[in-house]
Amino acid sequence: MIDILIQAINPKTLTMLLAAIAAGATVLTLAMPLIAGDSLQKRMKTVALEREKLRQRERERLARGDKVTLRQSPKQLVQKAVDQFNLNKWVGQEEARLKLVQAGYRGQAPYMTYLVARMLSPIAAALGTAFYIFVVTDFDQPLTVKIGMCIGAAYLGMHLPWQFLKSKIQRRQLSIRRAFPDTLDLLLICVESGMSIEAAFKRVSEEIGSQSVALAEELTLTTAELSYLQDRRMAYENLAKRTDLDGVKSVCMALQQAERYGTPLGSTLRVMAQENRDMRMNEAEKKAAGLPPKLTVPMILFFLPVLFIVILGPAAIKVMGLQ
């Protein structure tokens, strides 16, 4: 069976397999906008119900006199694996939880899943590499080199969950950063119209969902925390920690100072909105300024050879015809 598998995997078969995967990925990418449903309304409805759930569970806790958890419990198998292998010592608990929250994963279940993924991914990577090196292909290298490759694959596999989480955080922060200046403008309009800061956050979270669902979720959670936390300052601090963006941190700090010293929120929001717009414009100008150096290598590799062929090709064909 192994010999048949080795004979079946040849360069031609591997090339055809990769071509089929590439073609399928291209078709899936083009068809994804058509087959993907509009999950914005569903997510916004879930976020909007967060406050009502908080109220209902708080009333249940007061009625029963016991502690009611608001977070989803992890599955028993995941919880058992974490407890049995003592995975809580792999990474700092607070740091891992904070990164998961910044990526949009809240509760105990995503944390346990992340720990289990960090345990299983290096094992899977090492076993897959060992199977490919020792069974599938005839890798003509010493045994120490093969073992070193398996160890390297295990090391890379251990960092795969973190890289996935980091990529998720970056995409979420980009979505929030792009929509945050418009959010401040809407907050300014709501506050100057006479709304309280809680009502303004709630109203803006309903309107900004079309631009950034992540920012709408964060604003809704901030609205709930402003209503239920004893210290309103903690709500702004939690918003700054969940987003981990300089613009959001400065706005949260300004809102804390406005509530502490009684300064008008309208002027504060107007200044912070202008600063965030300037920051977004500076970032766009920085990307535009860095574009010419990035285009130099693609132009040398792809444009110039084609240009030379188009210009010198007819002359070369004519010379070859004369000979």
Protein backbone atom coordinates (compact mmCIF):
# COMPACT_ATOMS: atom_id res chain seq x y z
CA MET A 1 0.00 0.00 0.00
CA ILE A 2 2.81 2.39 0.87
CA ASP A 3 4.65 1.57 -2.38
CA ILE A 4 1.50 2.29 -4.39
CA LEU A 5 1.07 5.60 -2.55
CA ILE A 6 4.71 6.55 -3.23
CA GLN A 7 4.39 5.67 -6.91
CA ALA A 8 1.14 7.61 -7.20
CA ILE A 9 2.70 10.77 -5.79
CA ASN A 10 4.91 11.95 -8.62
CA PRO A 11 5.66 15.47 -9.85
CA LYS A 12 2.95 15.32 -12.50
CA THR A 13 0.28 14.16 -10.04
CA LEU A 14 1.39 16.71 -7.46
CA THR A 15 1.27 19.49 -10.08
CA MET A 16 -2.22 18.49 -11.13
CA LEU A 17 -3.35 18.38 -7.50
CA LEU A 18 -1.97 21.84 -6.77
CA ALA A 19 -3.56 23.20 -9.96
CA ALA A 20 -6.92 21.72 -8.94
CA ILE A 21 -6.62 23.26 -5.47
CA ALA A 22 -5.72 26.65 -6.96
CA ALA A 23 -8.65 26.51 -9.40
CA GLY A 24 -11.06 25.52 -6.65
CA ALA A 25 -9.80 28.30 -4.39
CA THR A 26 -10.23 30.82 -7.22
CA VAL A 27 -13.80 29.72 -7.91
CA LEU A 28 -14.61 29.77 -4.19
CA THR A 29 -13.15 33.26 -3.81
CA LEU A 30 -15.19 34.60 -6.73
CA ALA A 31 -18.38 32.89 -5.57
CA MET A 32 -18.03 33.71 -1.87
CA PRO A 33 -19.82 37.10 -2.05
CA LEU A 34 -22.75 35.40 -3.80
CA ILE A 35 -23.16 32.41 -1.49
CA ALA A 36 -22.28 34.12 1.77
CA GLY A 37 -25.30 35.33 3.69
CA ASP A 38 -25.65 38.73 5.24
CA SER A 39 -24.65 38.05 8.83
CA LEU A 40 -24.57 41.74 9.77
CA GLN A 41 -28.20 41.90 10.89
CA LYS A 42 -27.86 38.69 12.86
CA ARG A 43 -24.73 39.83 14.65
CA MET A 44 -26.17 43.27 15.34
CA LYS A 45 -29.30 41.70 16.80
CA THR A 46 -27.15 39.50 19.04
CA VAL A 47 -25.14 42.48 20.18
CA ALA A 48 -28.28 44.55 20.81
CA LEU A 49 -29.71 41.83 23.06
CA GLU A 50 -26.62 41.82 25.27
CA ARG A 51 -27.97 44.50 27.56
CA GLU A 52 -31.34 42.77 27.96
CA LYS A 53 -29.62 39.49 28.76
CA LEU A 54 -27.50 41.29 31.34
CA ARG A 55 -30.61 42.71 32.99
CA GLN A 56 -32.45 39.39 32.97
CA ARG A 57 -29.56 37.44 34.49
CA GLU A 58 -28.98 40.12 37.08
CA ARG A 59 -32.61 39.87 38.15
CA GLU A 60 -32.30 36.08 38.31
CA ARG A 61 -29.18 36.38 40.45
CA LEU A 62 -30.91 38.75 42.84
CA ALA A 63 -33.97 36.51 43.00
CA ARG A 64 -32.07 33.29 43.70
CA GLY A 65 -29.33 34.84 45.77
CA ASP A 66 -26.60 32.86 44.00
CA LYS A 67 -23.93 33.66 41.47
CA VAL A 68 -24.89 33.61 37.81
CA THR A 69 -22.20 33.47 35.16
CA LEU A 70 -22.58 35.50 31.98
CA ARG A 71 -19.99 33.61 29.99
CA GLN A 72 -20.26 30.46 27.96
CA SER A 73 -18.85 27.38 29.63
CA PRO A 74 -16.31 25.33 27.70
CA LYS A 75 -17.03 21.81 26.53
CA GLN A 76 -16.31 19.03 28.99
CA LEU A 77 -13.71 17.39 26.74
CA VAL A 78 -11.78 20.65 26.32
CA GLN A 79 -12.02 21.44 30.02
CA LYS A 80 -10.78 17.95 30.91
CA ALA A 81 -7.80 18.25 28.54
CA VAL A 82 -6.83 21.62 29.98
CA ASP A 83 -7.06 20.38 33.56
CA GLN A 84 -5.30 17.08 32.90
CA PHE A 85 -2.30 18.57 31.10
CA ASN A 86 -2.25 21.75 33.20
CA LEU A 87 -2.27 23.96 30.11
CA ASN A 88 -2.89 27.14 32.10
CA LYS A 89 0.85 27.38 32.74
CA TRP A 90 1.76 27.49 29.05
CA VAL A 91 0.97 31.17 28.62
CA GLY A 92 0.10 34.00 30.94
CA GLN A 93 -3.59 33.72 31.66
CA GLU A 94 -4.35 37.43 31.68
CA GLU A 95 -2.33 38.10 28.52
CA ALA A 96 -3.97 35.24 26.62
CA ARG A 97 -7.45 36.29 27.73
CA LEU A 98 -6.78 39.90 26.75
CA LYS A 99 -5.56 38.89 23.29
CA LEU A 100 -8.61 36.70 22.78
CA VAL A 101 -10.90 39.57 23.77
CA GLN A 102 -9.07 41.88 21.35
CA ALA A 103 -9.69 39.29 18.62
CA GLY A 104 -13.41 39.18 19.46
CA TYR A 105 -13.45 35.88 21.40
CA ARG A 106 -14.98 36.32 24.84
CA GLY A 107 -15.62 33.86 27.62
CA GLN A 108 -13.96 30.78 29.05
CA ALA A 109 -14.67 28.48 26.09
CA PRO A 110 -12.43 30.31 23.55
CA TYR A 111 -9.64 30.46 26.13
CA MET A 112 -9.74 26.70 26.72
CA THR A 113 -9.93 26.06 22.98
CA TYR A 114 -6.89 28.26 22.42
CA LEU A 115 -4.87 26.33 25.00
CA VAL A 116 -5.86 22.98 23.49
CA ALA A 117 -4.98 24.27 20.01
CA ARG A 118 -1.54 25.31 21.24
CA MET A 119 -1.04 21.80 22.59
CA LEU A 120 -2.29 19.89 19.54
CA SER A 121 -0.87 22.01 16.71
CA PRO A 122 2.84 21.20 17.33
CA ILE A 123 2.02 17.50 17.71
CA ALA A 124 0.05 17.49 14.46
CA ALA A 125 2.76 19.42 12.63
CA ALA A 126 5.52 17.10 13.86
CA LEU A 127 3.56 13.93 12.99
CA GLY A 128 2.63 15.24 9.56
CA THR A 129 6.22 16.18 8.78
CA ALA A 130 7.51 12.84 10.03
CA PHE A 131 4.96 10.95 7.92
CA TYR A 132 5.91 12.91 4.81
CA ILE A 133 9.67 12.57 5.34
CA PHE A 134 9.89 8.94 6.47
CA VAL A 135 6.96 7.36 4.60
CA VAL A 136 5.80 9.36 1.60
CA THR A 137 9.07 10.59 0.13
CA ASP A 138 12.56 9.17 -0.07
CA PHE A 139 14.31 12.08 1.63
CA ASP A 140 18.02 11.36 1.22
CA GLN A 141 19.34 13.11 4.30
CA PRO A 142 20.86 11.95 7.59
CA LEU A 143 18.56 10.95 10.43
CA THR A 144 19.58 13.97 12.49
CA VAL A 145 18.47 16.32 9.71
CA LYS A 146 15.09 14.57 9.49
CA ILE A 147 14.59 14.78 13.25
CA GLY A 148 15.60 18.43 13.17
CA MET A 149 13.00 19.13 10.50
CA CYS A 150 10.34 17.46 12.61
CA ILE A 151 11.35 19.55 15.62
CA GLY A 152 11.28 22.70 13.49
CA ALA A 153 7.81 21.81 12.23
CA ALA A 154 6.65 21.30 15.82
CA TYR A 155 8.04 24.70 16.77
CA LEU A 156 6.22 26.36 13.87
CA GLY A 157 3.06 24.48 14.72
CA MET A 158 3.17 25.76 18.28
CA HIS A 159 3.10 29.33 16.97
CA LEU A 160 0.29 28.79 14.45
CA PRO A 161 -2.55 29.53 16.94
CA TRP A 162 -0.81 32.72 18.03
CA GLN A 163 -0.28 33.84 14.43
CA PHE A 164 -3.93 33.16 13.67
CA LEU A 165 -4.95 35.16 16.74
CA LYS A 166 -2.58 37.98 15.80
CA SER A 167 -3.99 38.15 12.28
CA LYS A 168 -7.52 38.22 13.68
CA ILE A 169 -6.60 41.09 16.02
CA GLN A 170 -5.03 43.09 13.19
CA ARG A 171 -8.08 42.71 10.95
CA ARG A 172 -10.39 43.68 13.79
CA GLN A 173 -8.27 46.72 14.70
CA LEU A 174 -8.17 47.82 11.06
CA SER A 175 -11.95 47.68 10.88
CA ILE A 176 -12.28 49.72 14.09
CA ARG A 177 -9.61 52.23 13.07
CA ARG A 178 -11.29 53.01 9.75
CA ALA A 179 -14.73 53.59 11.26
CA PHE A 180 -13.71 55.32 14.48
CA PRO A 181 -13.53 58.95 13.17
CA ASP A 182 -17.08 58.64 11.80
CA THR A 183 -18.13 57.18 15.14
CA LEU A 184 -16.80 60.22 16.96
CA ASP A 185 -18.70 62.52 14.61
CA LEU A 186 -21.93 60.63 15.32
CA LEU A 187 -21.21 60.72 19.06
CA LEU A 188 -20.66 64.47 18.82
CA ILE A 189 -24.01 64.95 17.05
CA CYS A 190 -25.83 62.81 19.61
CA VAL A 191 -24.24 64.53 22.61
CA GLU A 192 -24.86 68.02 21.28
CA SER A 193 -28.49 67.10 20.59
CA GLY A 194 -28.99 66.47 24.31
CA MET A 195 -28.44 62.71 24.64
CA SER A 196 -26.58 61.20 27.54
CA ILE A 197 -23.34 59.40 26.82
CA GLU A 198 -25.01 55.98 27.32
CA ALA A 199 -27.81 56.80 24.87
CA ALA A 200 -25.26 58.22 22.43
CA PHE A 201 -23.17 55.04 22.56
CA LYS A 202 -26.26 52.90 22.03
CA ARG A 203 -27.50 54.98 19.11
CA VAL A 204 -24.10 55.10 17.40
CA SER A 205 -23.62 51.34 17.82
CA GLU A 206 -26.82 50.81 15.82
CA GLU A 207 -25.70 53.15 13.04
CA ILE A 208 -22.01 52.24 12.74
CA GLY A 209 -22.66 48.51 12.23
CA SER A 210 -22.77 48.95 8.46
CA GLN A 211 -19.12 50.11 8.51
CA SER A 212 -17.64 48.05 11.33
CA VAL A 213 -19.46 45.27 13.18
CA ALA A 214 -16.54 44.95 15.59
CA LEU A 215 -16.81 48.59 16.64
CA ALA A 216 -20.58 48.25 17.03
CA GLU A 217 -20.03 45.30 19.38
CA GLU A 218 -17.51 47.21 21.47
CA LEU A 219 -19.78 50.25 21.76
CA THR A 220 -22.71 48.06 22.83
CA LEU A 221 -20.62 46.39 25.52
CA THR A 222 -19.43 49.80 26.69
CA THR A 223 -23.06 50.94 26.93
CA ALA A 224 -23.88 47.96 29.12
CA GLU A 225 -20.84 48.56 31.33
CA LEU A 226 -21.65 52.25 31.71
CA SER A 227 -25.10 51.26 32.95
CA TYR A 228 -24.05 48.56 35.42
CA LEU A 229 -20.51 49.20 36.61
CA GLN A 230 -20.20 51.21 39.79
CA ASP A 231 -17.17 53.08 38.48
CA ARG A 232 -17.85 54.46 35.00
CA ARG A 233 -14.13 54.94 34.52
CA MET A 234 -13.74 51.15 34.29
CA ALA A 235 -16.05 51.05 31.25
CA TYR A 236 -13.78 53.40 29.32
CA GLU A 237 -10.67 51.54 30.44
CA ASN A 238 -12.17 48.22 29.32
CA LEU A 239 -12.99 49.71 25.92
CA ALA A 240 -9.39 50.88 25.54
CA LYS A 241 -8.06 47.43 26.52
CA ARG A 242 -10.40 45.55 24.19
CA THR A 243 -9.43 47.65 21.16
CA ASP A 244 -5.76 48.39 21.97
CA LEU A 245 -5.69 51.38 19.61
CA ASP A 246 -4.00 54.69 20.36
CA GLY A 247 -6.92 56.72 19.02
CA VAL A 248 -9.47 54.86 21.14
CA LYS A 249 -7.24 55.11 24.20
CA SER A 250 -6.91 58.87 23.85
CA VAL A 251 -10.68 59.26 23.45
CA CYS A 252 -11.34 57.08 26.49
CA MET A 253 -8.88 59.12 28.51
CA ALA A 254 -10.53 62.35 27.38
CA LEU A 255 -13.98 61.02 28.30
CA GLN A 256 -12.73 60.02 31.75
CA GLN A 257 -11.30 63.48 32.33
CA ALA A 258 -14.49 65.12 31.03
CA GLU A 259 -16.60 63.19 33.52
CA ARG A 260 -14.16 63.77 36.36
CA TYR A 261 -13.69 67.52 35.92
CA GLY A 262 -17.06 68.35 34.34
CA THR A 263 -15.73 69.67 31.04
CA PRO A 264 -18.20 69.70 28.10
CA LEU A 265 -18.27 66.44 26.17
CA GLY A 266 -19.07 68.21 22.90
CA SER A 267 -15.80 70.13 22.71
CA THR A 268 -13.85 67.06 23.79
CA LEU A 269 -15.40 64.87 21.13
CA ARG A 270 -14.94 67.54 18.46
CA VAL A 271 -11.21 67.79 19.15
CA MET A 272 -10.73 64.02 19.33
CA ALA A 273 -12.68 63.48 16.08
CA GLN A 274 -10.42 65.93 14.26
CA GLU A 275 -7.31 64.26 15.69
CA ASN A 276 -8.48 60.81 14.61
CA ARG A 277 -9.25 62.07 11.12
CA ASP A 278 -5.78 63.56 10.93
CA MET A 279 -4.31 60.25 12.09
CA ARG A 280 -6.23 58.37 9.40
CA MET A 281 -5.09 60.83 6.73
CA ASN A 282 -1.48 60.59 7.88
CA GLU A 283 -1.65 56.80 7.71
CA ALA A 284 -3.02 56.97 4.16
CA GLU A 285 -0.30 59.41 3.13
CA LYS A 286 2.33 57.17 4.67
CA LYS A 287 1.08 54.17 2.69
CA ALA A 288 0.98 56.24 -0.50
CA ALA A 289 4.56 57.44 0.06
CA GLY A 290 5.78 53.87 0.55
CA LEU A 291 4.14 52.59 -2.64
CA PRO A 292 6.84 53.55 -5.22
CA PRO A 293 9.65 51.57 -3.51
CA LYS A 294 7.36 48.55 -3.24
CA LEU A 295 6.55 48.71 -6.96
CA THR A 296 10.20 48.82 -8.03
CA VAL A 297 10.88 45.09 -7.80
CA PRO A 298 7.60 43.98 -9.48
CA MET A 299 8.23 46.41 -12.32
CA ILE A 300 11.77 45.07 -12.84
CA LEU A 301 10.65 41.44 -12.71
CA PHE A 302 7.41 41.60 -14.68
CA PHE A 303 7.04 44.81 -16.68
CA LEU A 304 10.53 45.39 -18.09
CA PRO A 305 11.02 41.90 -19.61
CA VAL A 306 7.64 42.13 -21.35
CA LEU A 307 8.48 45.63 -22.54
CA PHE A 308 11.80 44.47 -23.99
CA ILE A 309 10.09 41.56 -25.73
CA VAL A 310 7.48 43.85 -27.30
CA ILE A 311 10.07 46.40 -28.43
CA LEU A 312 12.93 44.12 -29.49
CA GLY A 313 10.87 41.07 -30.50
CA PRO A 314 9.98 42.20 -34.06
CA ALA A 315 13.57 43.27 -34.74
CA ALA A 316 14.91 39.94 -33.48
CA ILE A 317 12.41 38.01 -35.64
CA LYS A 318 13.36 40.08 -38.68
CA VAL A 319 17.09 39.48 -38.10
CA MET A 320 16.50 35.75 -37.66
CA GLY A 321 14.47 35.70 -40.89
CA LEU A 322 17.27 37.39 -42.82
CA GLN A 323 19.75 34.78 -41.65
